Amino acid sequence: MSRMGLVIVSGPSGAGKRTAVKALADIGFYCVDNIPLPMLPSLLKTIEETEPSTRVGVVVDAREKQFLRGFGDIYNGLNEAGYKVDILYLDASNDALVRRFSETRRRHPLFDSDSPLEGIMKERKLLSTILSYADRTVETTGLNVHQLREYIQSRFTGPIAAGGMNVNVQSFGFRHGVPVDADLLFDARFLTNPYFVEGLREKSGKDRGVIDFVLALPESTEFIDRLTGLLSYLIPLYRREGKSYLTIAIGCTGGRHRSVVMADRLVQKLMVDGTVVKGRHRDINR
């Protein structure tokens, strides 16, 4: 029996769990911060009896302490009961976590000291079991709250039909860093760059001149055809294994020209194949 979806958000203090769960609440999730793990099955059953279409987001972290030892049994029990469970583990470097505690003047919840590092190390040990079950680990060291919020909402927006999968195609610029959420990453920098063509530098991959220039390159057509063929093979296999989302990232130098054209073209090709897919251009306005 297919049952409601559950997103478990975990990770060390300061990594962004509060931001993540607020972002889930804003897109319609019923969210609970730090519920005792033994109560989770009962909570899901109660919500399901009244609002069966509701998706649930919960924060599980080191405040659970002794309850964390039973995480594996509870996780396996939820899967056996038919719930679709996604575990999102947010992490950041020790330096970043220490800096965030310093900036907010908060004490670490596991160590009453002016230096939170000892608490961070203790917390990592307590959370190691959850980390081993994580479907996705997101490094938040270089993300601000707005970027993390955008990531969470783009990942979990819209209900996923039974047996379905959300496919996202994202263009980006290597100059601005590789996307943290990319499952599959492809490099379009082998294509001739419109940036160096007179009249195209200030335009983007949404403008007709740039589109025509990039698609006229014989390598562009072959690249998209080969990539479409690969994804037409992979997507059903990912879906068969129960993957609920897939992010395909295509990059060029700045993220304004080649990658935008290639991402849009790939979206068009995949839609023809019947895949439900969304496109996004991270760096087009930089």
C-alpha atoms as a PDB file:
ATOM      1  CA  MET A   1       0.000   0.000   0.000  1.00  0.00           C
ATOM      2  CA  SER A   2       1.352   3.444  -0.933  1.00  0.00           C
ATOM      3  CA  ARG A   3       1.248   5.784   2.042  1.00  0.00           C
ATOM      4  CA  MET A   4       2.117   9.411   2.782  1.00  0.00           C
ATOM      5  CA  GLY A   5       5.595  10.779   2.266  1.00  0.00           C
ATOM      6  CA  LEU A   6       7.932  11.606   5.143  1.00  0.00           C
ATOM      7  CA  VAL A   7      11.054  13.770   5.028  1.00  0.00           C
ATOM      8  CA  ILE A   8      13.418  13.369   7.975  1.00  0.00           C
ATOM      9  CA  VAL A   9      15.776  16.341   8.297  1.00  0.00           C
ATOM     10  CA  SER A  10      18.894  15.751  10.346  1.00  0.00           C
ATOM     11  CA  GLY A  11      22.459  16.935  10.780  1.00  0.00           C
ATOM     12  CA  PRO A  12      24.621  18.806  13.281  1.00  0.00           C
ATOM     13  CA  SER A  13      23.441  21.949  15.044  1.00  0.00           C
ATOM     14  CA  GLY A  14      24.049  25.019  12.915  1.00  0.00           C
ATOM     15  CA  ALA A  15      23.880  23.198   9.577  1.00  0.00           C
ATOM     16  CA  GLY A  16      20.484  24.657   8.611  1.00  0.00           C
ATOM     17  CA  LYS A  17      17.827  22.248   9.877  1.00  0.00           C
ATOM     18  CA  ARG A  18      15.522  25.029  11.086  1.00  0.00           C
ATOM     19  CA  THR A  19      15.702  26.754   7.705  1.00  0.00           C
ATOM     20  CA  ALA A  20      14.991  23.478   5.938  1.00  0.00           C
ATOM     21  CA  VAL A  21      11.938  22.536   7.985  1.00  0.00           C
ATOM     22  CA  LYS A  22      10.491  26.054   7.662  1.00  0.00           C
ATOM     23  CA  ALA A  23      10.903  25.791   3.895  1.00  0.00           C
ATOM     24  CA  LEU A  24       9.031  22.470   3.938  1.00  0.00           C
ATOM     25  CA  ALA A  25       6.230  24.002   6.024  1.00  0.00           C
ATOM     26  CA  ASP A  26       5.873  26.814   3.496  1.00  0.00           C
ATOM     27  CA  ILE A  27       5.159  24.336   0.693  1.00  0.00           C
ATOM     28  CA  GLY A  28       2.496  22.464   2.623  1.00  0.00           C
ATOM     29  CA  PHE A  29       4.314  19.922   4.777  1.00  0.00           C
ATOM     30  CA  TYR A  30       3.080  19.209   8.300  1.00  0.00           C
ATOM     31  CA  CYS A  31       6.295  19.815  10.224  1.00  0.00           C
ATOM     32  CA  VAL A  32       7.456  18.811  13.697  1.00  0.00           C
ATOM     33  CA  ASP A  33      10.745  19.869  15.246  1.00  0.00           C
ATOM     34  CA  ASN A  34      12.487  17.219  17.335  1.00  0.00           C
ATOM     35  CA  ILE A  35       9.784  14.624  17.881  1.00  0.00           C
ATOM     36  CA  PRO A  36      10.865  11.659  20.064  1.00  0.00           C
ATOM     37  CA  LEU A  37      11.556   8.845  17.616  1.00  0.00           C
ATOM     38  CA  PRO A  38       9.325   6.215  19.298  1.00  0.00           C
ATOM     39  CA  MET A  39       6.352   8.557  18.755  1.00  0.00           C
ATOM     40  CA  LEU A  40       6.923   8.977  15.014  1.00  0.00           C
ATOM     41  CA  PRO A  41       4.866   5.968  13.776  1.00  0.00           C
ATOM     42  CA  SER A  42       1.899   7.047  15.914  1.00  0.00           C
ATOM     43  CA  LEU A  43       2.140  10.623  14.652  1.00  0.00           C
ATOM     44  CA  LEU A  44       2.101   9.480  11.024  1.00  0.00           C
ATOM     45  CA  LYS A  45      -0.870   7.194  11.639  1.00  0.00           C
ATOM     46  CA  THR A  46      -2.841   9.988  13.318  1.00  0.00           C
ATOM     47  CA  ILE A  47      -2.159  12.465  10.497  1.00  0.00           C
ATOM     48  CA  GLU A  48      -2.947   9.841   7.870  1.00  0.00           C
ATOM     49  CA  GLU A  49      -6.372   9.175   9.406  1.00  0.00           C
ATOM     50  CA  THR A  50      -7.386  12.830   9.033  1.00  0.00           C
ATOM     51  CA  GLU A  51      -5.311  14.172   6.111  1.00  0.00           C
ATOM     52  CA  PRO A  52      -4.009  11.221   4.076  1.00  0.00           C
ATOM     53  CA  SER A  53      -2.561  13.432   1.336  1.00  0.00           C
ATOM     54  CA  THR A  54      -0.444  15.488   3.748  1.00  0.00           C
ATOM     55  CA  ARG A  55       3.316  15.167   3.570  1.00  0.00           C
ATOM     56  CA  VAL A  56       5.233  15.269   6.828  1.00  0.00           C
ATOM     57  CA  GLY A  57       8.603  16.774   7.676  1.00  0.00           C
ATOM     58  CA  VAL A  58      10.366  16.124  10.984  1.00  0.00           C
ATOM     59  CA  VAL A  59      13.674  17.165  12.491  1.00  0.00           C
ATOM     60  CA  VAL A  60      15.612  14.367  14.176  1.00  0.00           C
ATOM     61  CA  ASP A  61      18.895  15.404  15.747  1.00  0.00           C
ATOM     62  CA  ALA A  62      21.260  14.804  18.639  1.00  0.00           C
ATOM     63  CA  ARG A  63      18.731  16.103  21.172  1.00  0.00           C
ATOM     64  CA  GLU A  64      17.160  12.645  20.815  1.00  0.00           C
ATOM     65  CA  LYS A  65      20.250  11.146  22.518  1.00  0.00           C
ATOM     66  CA  GLN A  66      19.312   7.629  23.715  1.00  0.00           C
ATOM     67  CA  PHE A  67      16.457   7.350  21.196  1.00  0.00           C
ATOM     68  CA  LEU A  68      18.935   7.552  18.309  1.00  0.00           C
ATOM     69  CA  ARG A  69      20.072   3.995  19.023  1.00  0.00           C
ATOM     70  CA  GLY A  70      16.723   2.728  17.763  1.00  0.00           C
ATOM     71  CA  PHE A  71      16.707   4.788  14.579  1.00  0.00           C
ATOM     72  CA  GLY A  72      17.442   1.852  12.265  1.00  0.00           C
ATOM     73  CA  ASP A  73      14.548  -0.224  13.599  1.00  0.00           C
ATOM     74  CA  ILE A  74      12.105   2.669  13.316  1.00  0.00           C
ATOM     75  CA  TYR A  75      13.288   3.570   9.808  1.00  0.00           C
ATOM     76  CA  ASN A  76      12.955  -0.036   8.609  1.00  0.00           C
ATOM     77  CA  GLY A  77       9.537  -0.319  10.234  1.00  0.00           C
ATOM     78  CA  LEU A  78       8.257   2.772   8.431  1.00  0.00           C
ATOM     79  CA  ASN A  79       9.462   1.445   5.086  1.00  0.00           C
ATOM     80  CA  GLU A  80       7.873  -1.930   5.715  1.00  0.00           C
ATOM     81  CA  ALA A  81       4.608  -0.162   6.577  1.00  0.00           C
ATOM     82  CA  GLY A  82       4.631   1.491   3.142  1.00  0.00           C
ATOM     83  CA  TYR A  83       5.722   5.037   3.992  1.00  0.00           C
ATOM     84  CA  LYS A  84       7.975   6.806   1.489  1.00  0.00           C
ATOM     85  CA  VAL A  85      10.832   8.023   3.673  1.00  0.00           C
ATOM     86  CA  ASP A  86      13.463  10.527   2.513  1.00  0.00           C
ATOM     87  CA  ILE A  87      16.341  11.335   4.855  1.00  0.00           C
ATOM     88  CA  LEU A  88      17.932  14.715   4.197  1.00  0.00           C
ATOM     89  CA  TYR A  89      21.177  15.194   6.113  1.00  0.00           C
ATOM     90  CA  LEU A  90      22.504  18.747   6.271  1.00  0.00           C
ATOM     91  CA  ASP A  91      26.179  19.184   7.077  1.00  0.00           C
ATOM     92  CA  ALA A  92      28.849  21.884   7.163  1.00  0.00           C
ATOM     93  CA  SER A  93      32.527  22.099   8.009  1.00  0.00           C
ATOM     94  CA  ASN A  94      33.530  22.341  11.664  1.00  0.00           C
ATOM     95  CA  ASP A  95      34.901  25.830  11.046  1.00  0.00           C
ATOM     96  CA  ALA A  96      31.586  26.956   9.547  1.00  0.00           C
ATOM     97  CA  LEU A  97      29.584  25.495  12.432  1.00  0.00           C
ATOM     98  CA  VAL A  98      31.828  27.131  15.034  1.00  0.00           C
ATOM     99  CA  ARG A  99      31.551  30.464  13.203  1.00  0.00           C
ATOM    100  CA  ARG A 100      27.748  30.241  13.081  1.00  0.00           C
ATOM    101  CA  PHE A 101      27.555  29.615  16.826  1.00  0.00           C
ATOM    102  CA  SER A 102      29.871  32.564  17.390  1.00  0.00           C
ATOM    103  CA  GLU A 103      27.798  34.858  15.169  1.00  0.00           C
ATOM    104  CA  THR A 104      24.514  33.943  16.865  1.00  0.00           C
ATOM    105  CA  ARG A 105      26.059  33.799  20.365  1.00  0.00           C
ATOM    106  CA  ARG A 106      24.292  30.503  20.995  1.00  0.00           C
ATOM    107  CA  ARG A 107      25.718  27.716  23.105  1.00  0.00           C
ATOM    108  CA  HIS A 108      25.984  24.265  21.618  1.00  0.00           C
ATOM    109  CA  PRO A 109      23.104  22.085  22.931  1.00  0.00           C
ATOM    110  CA  LEU A 110      25.474  19.241  23.860  1.00  0.00           C
ATOM    111  CA  PHE A 111      28.307  21.202  25.433  1.00  0.00           C
ATOM    112  CA  ASP A 112      27.980  24.116  27.824  1.00  0.00           C
ATOM    113  CA  SER A 113      31.126  25.995  26.884  1.00  0.00           C
ATOM    114  CA  ASP A 114      32.222  29.099  25.038  1.00  0.00           C
ATOM    115  CA  SER A 115      33.876  26.824  22.459  1.00  0.00           C
ATOM    116  CA  PRO A 116      31.316  24.607  20.685  1.00  0.00           C
ATOM    117  CA  LEU A 117      33.841  22.354  18.891  1.00  0.00           C
ATOM    118  CA  GLU A 118      33.734  19.606  21.506  1.00  0.00           C
ATOM    119  CA  GLY A 119      29.938  19.559  21.295  1.00  0.00           C
ATOM    120  CA  ILE A 120      30.095  19.405  17.481  1.00  0.00           C
ATOM    121  CA  MET A 121      32.390  16.363  17.568  1.00  0.00           C
ATOM    122  CA  LYS A 122      30.158  14.623  20.139  1.00  0.00           C
ATOM    123  CA  GLU A 123      27.123  15.412  17.988  1.00  0.00           C
ATOM    124  CA  ARG A 124      28.706  13.954  14.840  1.00  0.00           C
ATOM    125  CA  LYS A 125      29.290  10.687  16.681  1.00  0.00           C
ATOM    126  CA  LEU A 126      25.686  10.527  17.897  1.00  0.00           C
ATOM    127  CA  LEU A 127      24.337  11.211  14.390  1.00  0.00           C
ATOM    128  CA  SER A 128      26.542   8.705  12.563  1.00  0.00           C
ATOM    129  CA  THR A 129      23.719   6.139  12.312  1.00  0.00           C
ATOM    130  CA  ILE A 130      21.316   8.604  10.680  1.00  0.00           C
ATOM    131  CA  LEU A 131      24.066   9.719   8.295  1.00  0.00           C
ATOM    132  CA  SER A 132      24.544   6.115   7.175  1.00  0.00           C
ATOM    133  CA  TYR A 133      20.842   5.967   6.158  1.00  0.00           C
ATOM    134  CA  ALA A 134      20.743   9.377   4.444  1.00  0.00           C
ATOM    135  CA  ASP A 135      19.306   9.565   0.922  1.00  0.00           C
ATOM    136  CA  ARG A 136      20.962  12.929   0.373  1.00  0.00           C
ATOM    137  CA  THR A 137      23.729  14.802   2.187  1.00  0.00           C
ATOM    138  CA  VAL A 138      23.802  18.536   1.486  1.00  0.00           C
ATOM    139  CA  GLU A 139      26.903  20.556   2.277  1.00  0.00           C
ATOM    140  CA  THR A 140      25.691  23.957   3.504  1.00  0.00           C
ATOM    141  CA  THR A 141      29.057  25.571   4.263  1.00  0.00           C
ATOM    142  CA  GLY A 142      28.835  27.833   1.217  1.00  0.00           C
ATOM    143  CA  LEU A 143      25.073  28.371   1.243  1.00  0.00           C
ATOM    144  CA  ASN A 144      23.152  31.253   2.767  1.00  0.00           C
ATOM    145  CA  VAL A 145      19.643  30.773   4.174  1.00  0.00           C
ATOM    146  CA  HIS A 146      18.004  31.907   0.928  1.00  0.00           C
ATOM    147  CA  GLN A 147      19.965  29.433  -1.196  1.00  0.00           C
ATOM    148  CA  LEU A 148      19.208  26.577   1.192  1.00  0.00           C
ATOM    149  CA  ARG A 149      15.527  27.484   1.248  1.00  0.00           C
ATOM    150  CA  GLU A 150      15.425  27.550  -2.570  1.00  0.00           C
ATOM    151  CA  TYR A 151      17.121  24.163  -2.732  1.00  0.00           C
ATOM    152  CA  ILE A 152      14.677  22.559  -0.281  1.00  0.00           C
ATOM    153  CA  GLN A 153      11.604  23.940  -1.993  1.00  0.00           C
ATOM    154  CA  SER A 154      12.767  23.047  -5.515  1.00  0.00           C
ATOM    155  CA  ARG A 155      13.549  19.520  -4.322  1.00  0.00           C
ATOM    156  CA  PHE A 156      10.252  18.831  -2.593  1.00  0.00           C
ATOM    157  CA  THR A 157       7.703  21.019  -4.400  1.00  0.00           C
ATOM    158  CA  GLY A 158       4.713  19.079  -5.694  1.00  0.00           C
ATOM    159  CA  PRO A 159       3.399  15.669  -4.688  1.00  0.00           C
ATOM    160  CA  ILE A 160       5.084  12.711  -6.319  1.00  0.00           C
ATOM    161  CA  ALA A 161       2.686  10.241  -7.783  1.00  0.00           C
ATOM    162  CA  ALA A 162       3.059   6.600  -6.853  1.00  0.00           C
ATOM    163  CA  GLY A 163       5.913   5.221  -8.942  1.00  0.00           C
ATOM    164  CA  GLY A 164       6.748   8.719 -10.219  1.00  0.00           C
ATOM    165  CA  MET A 165       9.879  10.791 -10.011  1.00  0.00           C
ATOM    166  CA  ASN A 166      10.626  14.510 -10.166  1.00  0.00           C
ATOM    167  CA  VAL A 167      13.304  15.249 -12.768  1.00  0.00           C
ATOM    168  CA  ASN A 168      15.022  18.644 -12.652  1.00  0.00           C
ATOM    169  CA  VAL A 169      17.420  19.961 -15.285  1.00  0.00           C
ATOM    170  CA  GLN A 170      19.604  22.814 -14.080  1.00  0.00           C
ATOM    171  CA  SER A 171      22.101  24.996 -15.921  1.00  0.00           C
ATOM    172  CA  PHE A 172      24.978  26.564 -14.003  1.00  0.00           C
ATOM    173  CA  GLY A 173      28.368  28.234 -14.338  1.00  0.00           C
ATOM    174  CA  PHE A 174      31.497  26.441 -13.129  1.00  0.00           C
ATOM    175  CA  ARG A 175      32.837  29.884 -12.204  1.00  0.00           C
ATOM    176  CA  HIS A 176      30.174  30.071  -9.477  1.00  0.00           C
ATOM    177  CA  GLY A 177      30.615  26.542  -8.148  1.00  0.00           C
ATOM    178  CA  VAL A 178      29.115  23.141  -8.862  1.00  0.00           C
ATOM    179  CA  PRO A 179      25.473  22.710  -7.660  1.00  0.00           C
ATOM    180  CA  VAL A 180      25.297  20.939  -4.318  1.00  0.00           C
ATOM    181  CA  ASP A 181      22.219  18.953  -5.338  1.00  0.00           C
ATOM    182  CA  ALA A 182      23.415  17.529  -8.681  1.00  0.00           C
ATOM    183  CA  ASP A 183      22.891  13.785  -9.129  1.00  0.00           C
ATOM    184  CA  LEU A 184      24.319  13.797 -12.649  1.00  0.00           C
ATOM    185  CA  LEU A 185      26.647  16.531 -13.900  1.00  0.00           C
ATOM    186  CA  PHE A 186      27.683  17.314 -17.486  1.00  0.00           C
ATOM    187  CA  ASP A 187      30.158  19.839 -18.869  1.00  0.00           C
ATOM    188  CA  ALA A 188      29.201  21.884 -21.974  1.00  0.00           C
ATOM    189  CA  ARG A 189      32.447  23.882 -22.113  1.00  0.00           C
ATOM    190  CA  PHE A 190      33.605  21.904 -25.145  1.00  0.00           C
ATOM    191  CA  LEU A 191      31.147  23.919 -27.265  1.00  0.00           C
ATOM    192  CA  THR A 192      32.236  27.165 -28.950  1.00  0.00           C
ATOM    193  CA  ASN A 193      31.499  30.004 -26.540  1.00  0.00           C
ATOM    194  CA  PRO A 194      29.003  32.682 -27.744  1.00  0.00           C
ATOM    195  CA  TYR A 195      30.552  35.047 -25.195  1.00  0.00           C
ATOM    196  CA  PHE A 196      33.330  35.742 -27.716  1.00  0.00           C
ATOM    197  CA  VAL A 197      30.973  36.317 -30.652  1.00  0.00           C
ATOM    198  CA  GLU A 198      30.181  39.940 -31.459  1.00  0.00           C
ATOM    199  CA  GLY A 199      26.629  40.854 -30.514  1.00  0.00           C
ATOM    200  CA  LEU A 200      26.036  37.784 -28.302  1.00  0.00           C
ATOM    201  CA  ARG A 201      28.120  38.500 -25.199  1.00  0.00           C
ATOM    202  CA  GLU A 202      25.436  40.507 -23.388  1.00  0.00           C
ATOM    203  CA  LYS A 203      22.639  38.141 -24.367  1.00  0.00           C
ATOM    204  CA  SER A 204      21.700  34.882 -22.666  1.00  0.00           C
ATOM    205  CA  GLY A 205      20.764  31.378 -23.696  1.00  0.00           C
ATOM    206  CA  LYS A 206      17.133  32.503 -23.759  1.00  0.00           C
ATOM    207  CA  ASP A 207      17.789  34.902 -26.672  1.00  0.00           C
ATOM    208  CA  ARG A 208      17.206  33.689 -30.216  1.00  0.00           C
ATOM    209  CA  GLY A 209      20.662  34.694 -31.464  1.00  0.00           C
ATOM    210  CA  VAL A 210      22.443  32.642 -28.823  1.00  0.00           C
ATOM    211  CA  ILE A 211      20.057  29.692 -29.253  1.00  0.00           C
ATOM    212  CA  ASP A 212      20.599  29.619 -33.022  1.00  0.00           C
ATOM    213  CA  PHE A 213      24.375  29.919 -32.643  1.00  0.00           C
ATOM    214  CA  VAL A 214      24.684  27.077 -30.121  1.00  0.00           C
ATOM    215  CA  LEU A 215      22.247  24.709 -31.817  1.00  0.00           C
ATOM    216  CA  ALA A 216      23.965  25.248 -35.187  1.00  0.00           C
ATOM    217  CA  LEU A 217      27.081  23.577 -33.792  1.00  0.00           C
ATOM    218  CA  PRO A 218      27.117  19.908 -34.892  1.00  0.00           C
ATOM    219  CA  GLU A 219      28.505  18.915 -31.487  1.00  0.00           C
ATOM    220  CA  SER A 220      25.411  20.336 -29.783  1.00  0.00           C
ATOM    221  CA  THR A 221      23.000  18.050 -31.592  1.00  0.00           C
ATOM    222  CA  GLU A 222      25.124  14.967 -31.001  1.00  0.00           C
ATOM    223  CA  PHE A 223      25.636  15.852 -27.338  1.00  0.00           C
ATOM    224  CA  ILE A 224      21.904  16.234 -26.685  1.00  0.00           C
ATOM    225  CA  ASP A 225      21.027  13.084 -28.650  1.00  0.00           C
ATOM    226  CA  ARG A 226      23.572  11.002 -26.738  1.00  0.00           C
ATOM    227  CA  LEU A 227      22.558  12.513 -23.401  1.00  0.00           C
ATOM    228  CA  THR A 228      18.858  11.929 -24.096  1.00  0.00           C
ATOM    229  CA  GLY A 229      19.594   8.322 -24.937  1.00  0.00           C
ATOM    230  CA  LEU A 230      21.569   7.834 -21.722  1.00  0.00           C
ATOM    231  CA  LEU A 231      18.844   9.403 -19.586  1.00  0.00           C
ATOM    232  CA  SER A 232      16.078   7.475 -21.331  1.00  0.00           C
ATOM    233  CA  TYR A 233      17.909   4.378 -20.140  1.00  0.00           C
ATOM    234  CA  LEU A 234      18.754   5.601 -16.623  1.00  0.00           C
ATOM    235  CA  ILE A 235      15.523   7.324 -15.540  1.00  0.00           C
ATOM    236  CA  PRO A 236      13.353   4.156 -15.546  1.00  0.00           C
ATOM    237  CA  LEU A 237      16.064   2.368 -13.552  1.00  0.00           C
ATOM    238  CA  TYR A 238      16.213   5.143 -10.953  1.00  0.00           C
ATOM    239  CA  ARG A 239      12.404   5.114 -10.804  1.00  0.00           C
ATOM    240  CA  ARG A 240      12.396   1.335 -10.343  1.00  0.00           C
ATOM    241  CA  GLU A 241      14.710   1.674  -7.345  1.00  0.00           C
ATOM    242  CA  GLY A 242      12.295   4.131  -5.704  1.00  0.00           C
ATOM    243  CA  LYS A 243      14.242   7.345  -6.294  1.00  0.00           C
ATOM    244  CA  SER A 244      11.807  10.234  -5.924  1.00  0.00           C
ATOM    245  CA  TYR A 245      13.872  12.974  -7.561  1.00  0.00           C
ATOM    246  CA  LEU A 246      16.756  13.361  -9.982  1.00  0.00           C
ATOM    247  CA  THR A 247      18.713  16.545 -10.666  1.00  0.00           C
ATOM    248  CA  ILE A 248      20.698  16.794 -13.898  1.00  0.00           C
ATOM    249  CA  ALA A 249      23.146  19.703 -14.017  1.00  0.00           C
ATOM    250  CA  ILE A 250      24.728  21.067 -17.200  1.00  0.00           C
ATOM    251  CA  GLY A 251      27.492  23.630 -16.795  1.00  0.00           C
ATOM    252  CA  CYS A 252      29.471  26.071 -18.866  1.00  0.00           C
ATOM    253  CA  THR A 253      31.932  28.760 -17.791  1.00  0.00           C
ATOM    254  CA  GLY A 254      29.555  31.475 -16.607  1.00  0.00           C
ATOM    255  CA  GLY A 255      26.159  29.754 -16.785  1.00  0.00           C
ATOM    256  CA  ARG A 256      24.569  32.297 -19.171  1.00  0.00           C
ATOM    257  CA  HIS A 257      24.920  30.889 -22.687  1.00  0.00           C
ATOM    258  CA  ARG A 258      25.815  27.297 -23.631  1.00  0.00           C
ATOM    259  CA  SER A 259      24.518  25.538 -20.528  1.00  0.00           C
ATOM    260  CA  VAL A 260      21.194  27.407 -20.703  1.00  0.00           C
ATOM    261  CA  VAL A 261      20.604  26.398 -24.313  1.00  0.00           C
ATOM    262  CA  MET A 262      21.613  22.788 -23.645  1.00  0.00           C
ATOM    263  CA  ALA A 263      19.451  22.522 -20.509  1.00  0.00           C
ATOM    264  CA  ASP A 264      16.379  23.888 -22.279  1.00  0.00           C
ATOM    265  CA  ARG A 265      16.943  21.571 -25.219  1.00  0.00           C
ATOM    266  CA  LEU A 266      17.289  18.574 -22.917  1.00  0.00           C
ATOM    267  CA  VAL A 267      14.039  19.461 -21.138  1.00  0.00           C
ATOM    268  CA  GLN A 268      12.265  19.542 -24.496  1.00  0.00           C
ATOM    269  CA  LYS A 269      13.696  16.171 -25.500  1.00  0.00           C
ATOM    270  CA  LEU A 270      12.805  14.479 -22.211  1.00  0.00           C
ATOM    271  CA  MET A 271       9.262  15.844 -22.287  1.00  0.00           C
ATOM    272  CA  VAL A 272       8.787  14.291 -25.721  1.00  0.00           C
ATOM    273  CA  ASP A 273       9.755  10.974 -24.118  1.00  0.00           C
ATOM    274  CA  GLY A 274       6.949  11.457 -21.579  1.00  0.00           C
ATOM    275  CA  THR A 275       9.140  12.373 -18.583  1.00  0.00           C
ATOM    276  CA  VAL A 276       7.797  14.955 -16.136  1.00  0.00           C
ATOM    277  CA  VAL A 277      10.658  17.433 -16.001  1.00  0.00           C
ATOM    278  CA  LYS A 278      11.332  20.998 -14.845  1.00  0.00           C
ATOM    279  CA  GLY A 279      14.111  23.358 -15.923  1.00  0.00           C
ATOM    280  CA  ARG A 280      16.000  25.949 -13.904  1.00  0.00           C
ATOM    281  CA  HIS A 281      18.869  28.320 -14.704  1.00  0.00           C
ATOM    282  CA  ARG A 282      20.882  29.081 -11.612  1.00  0.00           C
ATOM    283  CA  ASP A 283      23.381  31.631 -12.958  1.00  0.00           C
ATOM    284  CA  ILE A 284      21.672  33.137 -16.009  1.00  0.00           C
ATOM    285  CA  ASN A 285      21.452  36.601 -14.419  1.00  0.00           C
ATOM    286  CA  ARG A 286      24.987  36.776 -13.047  1.00  0.00           C
END
